[in-house]
Amino acid sequence: MSNITRQMVRTYLLEIAETEPTYIRAHEIARDLDASPKAVAQYLSQLQDDLVDVSLEQWARSKSTTWRIEANEP
């Protein structure tokens, strides 16, 4: 397992954020970053209130939480 950091997750979110909402799950981010889905989910929860350039919110829960990501307008 890799050593993922909060900054890595933050950078990833900034890179994938678009003007239209994007929906993603922690396991998809974990796959792209070669990390644990549990660690990614923990960082997503922490980053939810910290991000300025990106809107991040829990959108739906089924088997796992779906996150809605959207770039904030300048």
PDB file of N, CA and C in Angstrom:
ATOM      1  N   MET A   1       0.845  -1.181   0.000  1.00  0.00           N
ATOM      2  CA  MET A   1       0.000   0.000   0.000  1.00  0.00           C
ATOM      3  C   MET A   1       0.885   1.236   0.000  1.00  0.00           C
ATOM      4  N   SER A   2       0.453   2.236  -0.712  1.00  0.00           N
ATOM      5  CA  SER A   2       1.236   3.457  -0.834  1.00  0.00           C
ATOM      6  C   SER A   2       0.986   4.396   0.342  1.00  0.00           C
ATOM      7  N   ASN A   3       1.809   5.385   0.447  1.00  0.00           N
ATOM      8  CA  ASN A   3       1.638   6.426   1.458  1.00  0.00           C
ATOM      9  C   ASN A   3       0.967   7.617   0.794  1.00  0.00           C
ATOM     10  N   ILE A   4      -0.332   7.666   0.882  1.00  0.00           N
ATOM     11  CA  ILE A   4      -1.084   8.763   0.280  1.00  0.00           C
ATOM     12  C   ILE A   4      -1.172   9.909   1.284  1.00  0.00           C
ATOM     13  N   THR A   5      -1.174  11.123   0.763  1.00  0.00           N
ATOM     14  CA  THR A   5      -1.282  12.288   1.637  1.00  0.00           C
ATOM     15  C   THR A   5      -2.526  13.089   1.280  1.00  0.00           C
ATOM     16  N   ARG A   6      -2.906  13.909   2.212  1.00  0.00           N
ATOM     17  CA  ARG A   6      -4.040  14.803   1.989  1.00  0.00           C
ATOM     18  C   ARG A   6      -3.790  15.698   0.781  1.00  0.00           C
ATOM     19  N   GLN A   7      -2.543  16.168   0.627  1.00  0.00           N
ATOM     20  CA  GLN A   7      -2.188  17.041  -0.491  1.00  0.00           C
ATOM     21  C   GLN A   7      -2.348  16.321  -1.834  1.00  0.00           C
ATOM     22  N   MET A   8      -2.036  15.032  -1.872  1.00  0.00           N
ATOM     23  CA  MET A   8      -2.198  14.267  -3.111  1.00  0.00           C
ATOM     24  C   MET A   8      -3.669  14.204  -3.518  1.00  0.00           C
ATOM     25  N   VAL A   9      -4.547  13.983  -2.557  1.00  0.00           N
ATOM     26  CA  VAL A   9      -5.979  13.921  -2.848  1.00  0.00           C
ATOM     27  C   VAL A   9      -6.470  15.298  -3.283  1.00  0.00           C
ATOM     28  N   ARG A  10      -6.018  16.336  -2.599  1.00  0.00           N
ATOM     29  CA  ARG A  10      -6.409  17.707  -2.942  1.00  0.00           C
ATOM     30  C   ARG A  10      -5.990  18.042  -4.377  1.00  0.00           C
ATOM     31  N   THR A  11      -4.763  17.733  -4.731  1.00  0.00           N
ATOM     32  CA  THR A  11      -4.254  18.001  -6.078  1.00  0.00           C
ATOM     33  C   THR A  11      -5.065  17.239  -7.116  1.00  0.00           C
ATOM     34  N   TYR A  12      -5.384  16.000  -6.830  1.00  0.00           N
ATOM     35  CA  TYR A  12      -6.187  15.182  -7.737  1.00  0.00           C
ATOM     36  C   TYR A  12      -7.547  15.837  -7.981  1.00  0.00           C
ATOM     37  N   LEU A  13      -8.185  16.282  -6.908  1.00  0.00           N
ATOM     38  CA  LEU A  13      -9.500  16.919  -7.041  1.00  0.00           C
ATOM     39  C   LEU A  13      -9.427  18.183  -7.881  1.00  0.00           C
ATOM     40  N   LEU A  14      -8.390  18.973  -7.679  1.00  0.00           N
ATOM     41  CA  LEU A  14      -8.232  20.201  -8.457  1.00  0.00           C
ATOM     42  C   LEU A  14      -8.036  19.887  -9.937  1.00  0.00           C
ATOM     43  N   GLU A  15      -7.356  18.789 -10.234  1.00  0.00           N
ATOM     44  CA  GLU A  15      -7.105  18.415 -11.626  1.00  0.00           C
ATOM     45  C   GLU A  15      -8.357  17.908 -12.334  1.00  0.00           C
ATOM     46  N   ILE A  16      -9.239  17.214 -11.610  1.00  0.00           N
ATOM     47  CA  ILE A  16     -10.405  16.645 -12.285  1.00  0.00           C
ATOM     48  C   ILE A  16     -11.642  17.538 -12.223  1.00  0.00           C
ATOM     49  N   ALA A  17     -11.594  18.569 -11.399  1.00  0.00           N
ATOM     50  CA  ALA A  17     -12.760  19.459 -11.273  1.00  0.00           C
ATOM     51  C   ALA A  17     -13.013  20.172 -12.591  1.00  0.00           C
ATOM     52  N   GLU A  18     -14.262  20.205 -12.970  1.00  0.00           N
ATOM     53  CA  GLU A  18     -14.677  20.881 -14.192  1.00  0.00           C
ATOM     54  C   GLU A  18     -15.798  21.842 -13.844  1.00  0.00           C
ATOM     55  N   THR A  19     -16.206  22.647 -14.815  1.00  0.00           N
ATOM     56  CA  THR A  19     -17.307  23.573 -14.571  1.00  0.00           C
ATOM     57  C   THR A  19     -18.626  22.829 -14.402  1.00  0.00           C
ATOM     58  N   GLU A  20     -18.749  21.673 -15.031  1.00  0.00           N
ATOM     59  CA  GLU A  20     -19.912  20.817 -14.844  1.00  0.00           C
ATOM     60  C   GLU A  20     -19.602  19.839 -13.707  1.00  0.00           C
ATOM     61  N   PRO A  21     -20.588  19.481 -12.926  1.00  0.00           N
ATOM     62  CA  PRO A  21     -20.342  18.546 -11.819  1.00  0.00           C
ATOM     63  C   PRO A  21     -19.783  17.206 -12.304  1.00  0.00           C
ATOM     64  N   THR A  22     -18.862  16.679 -11.547  1.00  0.00           N
ATOM     65  CA  THR A  22     -18.287  15.367 -11.782  1.00  0.00           C
ATOM     66  C   THR A  22     -18.625  14.517 -10.573  1.00  0.00           C
ATOM     67  N   TYR A  23     -19.017  13.301 -10.795  1.00  0.00           N
ATOM     68  CA  TYR A  23     -19.370  12.400  -9.703  1.00  0.00           C
ATOM     69  C   TYR A  23     -18.353  11.275  -9.647  1.00  0.00           C
ATOM     70  N   ILE A  24     -17.801  11.031  -8.459  1.00  0.00           N
ATOM     71  CA  ILE A  24     -16.735  10.043  -8.323  1.00  0.00           C
ATOM     72  C   ILE A  24     -16.809   9.402  -6.943  1.00  0.00           C
ATOM     73  N   ARG A  25     -16.288   8.222  -6.849  1.00  0.00           N
ATOM     74  CA  ARG A  25     -16.231   7.502  -5.573  1.00  0.00           C
ATOM     75  C   ARG A  25     -14.776   7.373  -5.131  1.00  0.00           C
ATOM     76  N   ALA A  26     -14.603   7.194  -3.845  1.00  0.00           N
ATOM     77  CA  ALA A  26     -13.257   7.108  -3.268  1.00  0.00           C
ATOM     78  C   ALA A  26     -12.450   5.976  -3.899  1.00  0.00           C
ATOM     79  N   HIS A  27     -13.092   4.858  -4.203  1.00  0.00           N
ATOM     80  CA  HIS A  27     -12.337   3.738  -4.773  1.00  0.00           C
ATOM     81  C   HIS A  27     -11.796   4.071  -6.165  1.00  0.00           C
ATOM     82  N   GLU A  28     -12.461   4.947  -6.902  1.00  0.00           N
ATOM     83  CA  GLU A  28     -11.961   5.359  -8.218  1.00  0.00           C
ATOM     84  C   GLU A  28     -10.724   6.248  -8.065  1.00  0.00           C
ATOM     85  N   ILE A  29     -10.774   7.155  -7.099  1.00  0.00           N
ATOM     86  CA  ILE A  29      -9.616   8.017  -6.830  1.00  0.00           C
ATOM     87  C   ILE A  29      -8.464   7.161  -6.322  1.00  0.00           C
ATOM     88  N   ALA A  30      -8.767   6.229  -5.425  1.00  0.00           N
ATOM     89  CA  ALA A  30      -7.737   5.349  -4.866  1.00  0.00           C
ATOM     90  C   ALA A  30      -7.048   4.545  -5.971  1.00  0.00           C
ATOM     91  N   ARG A  31      -7.820   4.064  -6.927  1.00  0.00           N
ATOM     92  CA  ARG A  31      -7.251   3.313  -8.046  1.00  0.00           C
ATOM     93  C   ARG A  31      -6.280   4.190  -8.833  1.00  0.00           C
ATOM     94  N   ASP A  32      -6.680   5.432  -9.098  1.00  0.00           N
ATOM     95  CA  ASP A  32      -5.827   6.341  -9.865  1.00  0.00           C
ATOM     96  C   ASP A  32      -4.567   6.745  -9.099  1.00  0.00           C
ATOM     97  N   LEU A  33      -4.664   6.831  -7.780  1.00  0.00           N
ATOM     98  CA  LEU A  33      -3.526   7.254  -6.957  1.00  0.00           C
ATOM     99  C   LEU A  33      -2.780   6.082  -6.330  1.00  0.00           C
ATOM    100  N   ASP A  34      -3.187   4.860  -6.643  1.00  0.00           N
ATOM    101  CA  ASP A  34      -2.588   3.656  -6.075  1.00  0.00           C
ATOM    102  C   ASP A  34      -2.597   3.728  -4.547  1.00  0.00           C
ATOM    103  N   ALA A  35      -3.781   3.924  -4.007  1.00  0.00           N
ATOM    104  CA  ALA A  35      -3.939   4.099  -2.569  1.00  0.00           C
ATOM    105  C   ALA A  35      -5.117   3.290  -2.059  1.00  0.00           C
ATOM    106  N   SER A  36      -5.321   3.344  -0.770  1.00  0.00           N
ATOM    107  CA  SER A  36      -6.441   2.651  -0.142  1.00  0.00           C
ATOM    108  C   SER A  36      -7.711   3.501  -0.229  1.00  0.00           C
ATOM    109  N   PRO A  37      -8.835   2.910  -0.629  1.00  0.00           N
ATOM    110  CA  PRO A  37     -10.096   3.660  -0.678  1.00  0.00           C
ATOM    111  C   PRO A  37     -10.481   4.245   0.686  1.00  0.00           C
ATOM    112  N   LYS A  38     -10.173   3.530   1.738  1.00  0.00           N
ATOM    113  CA  LYS A  38     -10.497   4.009   3.087  1.00  0.00           C
ATOM    114  C   LYS A  38      -9.733   5.298   3.410  1.00  0.00           C
ATOM    115  N   ALA A  39      -8.445   5.347   3.044  1.00  0.00           N
ATOM    116  CA  ALA A  39      -7.639   6.547   3.285  1.00  0.00           C
ATOM    117  C   ALA A  39      -8.151   7.719   2.444  1.00  0.00           C
ATOM    118  N   VAL A  40      -8.493   7.446   1.190  1.00  0.00           N
ATOM    119  CA  VAL A  40      -9.015   8.495   0.311  1.00  0.00           C
ATOM    120  C   VAL A  40     -10.327   9.041   0.864  1.00  0.00           C
ATOM    121  N   ALA A  41     -11.214   8.163   1.295  1.00  0.00           N
ATOM    122  CA  ALA A  41     -12.510   8.588   1.842  1.00  0.00           C
ATOM    123  C   ALA A  41     -12.313   9.477   3.070  1.00  0.00           C
ATOM    124  N   GLN A  42     -11.356   9.132   3.888  1.00  0.00           N
ATOM    125  CA  GLN A  42     -11.065   9.935   5.080  1.00  0.00           C
ATOM    126  C   GLN A  42     -10.606  11.331   4.677  1.00  0.00           C
ATOM    127  N   TYR A  43      -9.715  11.421   3.702  1.00  0.00           N
ATOM    128  CA  TYR A  43      -9.239  12.731   3.248  1.00  0.00           C
ATOM    129  C   TYR A  43     -10.339  13.526   2.559  1.00  0.00           C
ATOM    130  N   LEU A  44     -11.218  12.867   1.815  1.00  0.00           N
ATOM    131  CA  LEU A  44     -12.318  13.580   1.171  1.00  0.00           C
ATOM    132  C   LEU A  44     -13.200  14.243   2.224  1.00  0.00           C
ATOM    133  N   SER A  45     -13.488  13.532   3.283  1.00  0.00           N
ATOM    134  CA  SER A  45     -14.299  14.103   4.361  1.00  0.00           C
ATOM    135  C   SER A  45     -13.614  15.314   4.982  1.00  0.00           C
ATOM    136  N   GLN A  46     -12.309  15.234   5.171  1.00  0.00           N
ATOM    137  CA  GLN A  46     -11.556  16.338   5.754  1.00  0.00           C
ATOM    138  C   GLN A  46     -11.485  17.540   4.814  1.00  0.00           C
ATOM    139  N   LEU A  47     -11.343  17.271   3.527  1.00  0.00           N
ATOM    140  CA  LEU A  47     -11.179  18.347   2.543  1.00  0.00           C
ATOM    141  C   LEU A  47     -12.490  19.038   2.188  1.00  0.00           C
ATOM    142  N   GLN A  48     -13.580  18.436   2.535  1.00  0.00           N
ATOM    143  CA  GLN A  48     -14.894  18.954   2.144  1.00  0.00           C
ATOM    144  C   GLN A  48     -15.062  20.430   2.514  1.00  0.00           C
ATOM    145  N   ASP A  49     -14.619  20.852   3.673  1.00  0.00           N
ATOM    146  CA  ASP A  49     -14.771  22.241   4.115  1.00  0.00           C
ATOM    147  C   ASP A  49     -13.553  23.105   3.831  1.00  0.00           C
ATOM    148  N   ASP A  50     -12.441  22.492   3.437  1.00  0.00           N
ATOM    149  CA  ASP A  50     -11.186  23.224   3.267  1.00  0.00           C
ATOM    150  C   ASP A  50     -10.950  23.764   1.863  1.00  0.00           C
ATOM    151  N   LEU A  51     -11.572  23.170   0.870  1.00  0.00           N
ATOM    152  CA  LEU A  51     -11.300  23.562  -0.515  1.00  0.00           C
ATOM    153  C   LEU A  51     -11.989  24.874  -0.859  1.00  0.00           C
ATOM    154  N   VAL A  52     -11.263  25.736  -1.570  1.00  0.00           N
ATOM    155  CA  VAL A  52     -11.802  27.028  -1.976  1.00  0.00           C
ATOM    156  C   VAL A  52     -12.152  27.015  -3.466  1.00  0.00           C
ATOM    157  N   ASP A  53     -11.288  26.451  -4.279  1.00  0.00           N
ATOM    158  CA  ASP A  53     -11.467  26.455  -5.731  1.00  0.00           C
ATOM    159  C   ASP A  53     -12.443  25.389  -6.221  1.00  0.00           C
ATOM    160  N   VAL A  54     -12.738  24.441  -5.352  1.00  0.00           N
ATOM    161  CA  VAL A  54     -13.557  23.299  -5.749  1.00  0.00           C
ATOM    162  C   VAL A  54     -14.663  23.074  -4.724  1.00  0.00           C
ATOM    163  N   SER A  55     -15.849  22.808  -5.225  1.00  0.00           N
ATOM    164  CA  SER A  55     -16.974  22.421  -4.370  1.00  0.00           C
ATOM    165  C   SER A  55     -16.974  20.895  -4.280  1.00  0.00           C
ATOM    166  N   LEU A  56     -16.957  20.379  -3.062  1.00  0.00           N
ATOM    167  CA  LEU A  56     -16.924  18.940  -2.834  1.00  0.00           C
ATOM    168  C   LEU A  56     -18.017  18.594  -1.833  1.00  0.00           C
ATOM    169  N   GLU A  57     -18.932  17.733  -2.234  1.00  0.00           N
ATOM    170  CA  GLU A  57     -19.992  17.358  -1.311  1.00  0.00           C
ATOM    171  C   GLU A  57     -20.381  15.900  -1.486  1.00  0.00           C
ATOM    172  N   GLN A  58     -20.803  15.298  -0.378  1.00  0.00           N
ATOM    173  CA  GLN A  58     -21.327  13.939  -0.456  1.00  0.00           C
ATOM    174  C   GLN A  58     -22.650  14.013  -1.188  1.00  0.00           C
ATOM    175  N   TRP A  59     -22.793  13.198  -2.200  1.00  0.00           N
ATOM    176  CA  TRP A  59     -23.967  13.295  -3.042  1.00  0.00           C
ATOM    177  C   TRP A  59     -24.948  12.156  -2.801  1.00  0.00           C
ATOM    178  N   ALA A  60     -24.475  10.953  -2.772  1.00  0.00           N
ATOM    179  CA  ALA A  60     -25.371   9.813  -2.615  1.00  0.00           C
ATOM    180  C   ALA A  60     -24.623   8.688  -1.917  1.00  0.00           C
ATOM    181  N   ARG A  61     -25.386   7.874  -1.246  1.00  0.00           N
ATOM    182  CA  ARG A  61     -24.800   6.703  -0.588  1.00  0.00           C
ATOM    183  C   ARG A  61     -25.562   5.478  -1.048  1.00  0.00           C
ATOM    184  N   SER A  62     -24.840   4.507  -1.477  1.00  0.00           N
ATOM    185  CA  SER A  62     -25.431   3.206  -1.760  1.00  0.00           C
ATOM    186  C   SER A  62     -24.461   2.207  -1.147  1.00  0.00           C
ATOM    187  N   LYS A  63     -23.693   1.552  -1.955  1.00  0.00           N
ATOM    188  CA  LYS A  63     -22.655   0.671  -1.408  1.00  0.00           C
ATOM    189  C   LYS A  63     -21.471   1.496  -0.916  1.00  0.00           C
ATOM    190  N   SER A  64     -21.253   2.628  -1.551  1.00  0.00           N
ATOM    191  CA  SER A  64     -20.209   3.551  -1.114  1.00  0.00           C
ATOM    192  C   SER A  64     -20.670   4.969  -1.431  1.00  0.00           C
ATOM    193  N   THR A  65     -20.029   5.941  -0.823  1.00  0.00           N
ATOM    194  CA  THR A  65     -20.422   7.334  -1.012  1.00  0.00           C
ATOM    195  C   THR A  65     -19.969   7.845  -2.369  1.00  0.00           C
ATOM    196  N   THR A  66     -20.848   8.529  -3.047  1.00  0.00           N
ATOM    197  CA  THR A  66     -20.504   9.224  -4.285  1.00  0.00           C
ATOM    198  C   THR A  66     -20.272  10.683  -3.922  1.00  0.00           C
ATOM    199  N   TRP A  67     -19.213  11.243  -4.456  1.00  0.00           N
ATOM    200  CA  TRP A  67     -18.860  12.642  -4.196  1.00  0.00           C
ATOM    201  C   TRP A  67     -19.116  13.468  -5.445  1.00  0.00           C
ATOM    202  N   ARG A  68     -19.685  14.623  -5.255  1.00  0.00           N
ATOM    203  CA  ARG A  68     -19.938  15.571  -6.353  1.00  0.00           C
ATOM    204  C   ARG A  68     -18.838  16.627  -6.287  1.00  0.00           C
ATOM    205  N   ILE A  69     -18.121  16.777  -7.394  1.00  0.00           N
ATOM    206  CA  ILE A  69     -17.005  17.708  -7.475  1.00  0.00           C
ATOM    207  C   ILE A  69     -17.277  18.695  -8.602  1.00  0.00           C
ATOM    208  N   GLU A  70     -17.098  19.972  -8.308  1.00  0.00           N
ATOM    209  CA  GLU A  70     -17.313  20.996  -9.321  1.00  0.00           C
ATOM    210  C   GLU A  70     -16.390  22.178  -9.029  1.00  0.00           C
ATOM    211  N   ALA A  71     -15.768  22.712 -10.073  1.00  0.00           N
ATOM    212  CA  ALA A  71     -14.920  23.896  -9.912  1.00  0.00           C
ATOM    213  C   ALA A  71     -15.806  25.100  -9.607  1.00  0.00           C
ATOM    214  N   ASN A  72     -15.379  25.884  -8.645  1.00  0.00           N
ATOM    215  CA  ASN A  72     -16.105  27.112  -8.333  1.00  0.00           C
ATOM    216  C   ASN A  72     -15.752  28.177  -9.362  1.00  0.00           C
ATOM    217  N   GLU A  73     -16.710  29.018  -9.675  1.00  0.00           N
ATOM    218  CA  GLU A  73     -16.458  30.079 -10.648  1.00  0.00           C
ATOM    219  C   GLU A  73     -15.499  31.096 -10.041  1.00  0.00           C
ATOM    220  N   PRO A  74     -14.604  31.639 -10.868  1.00  0.00           N
ATOM    221  CA  PRO A  74     -13.618  32.620 -10.360  1.00  0.00           C
ATOM    222  C   PRO A  74     -14.258  33.913  -9.921  1.00  0.00           C
TER     223      PRO A  74
END
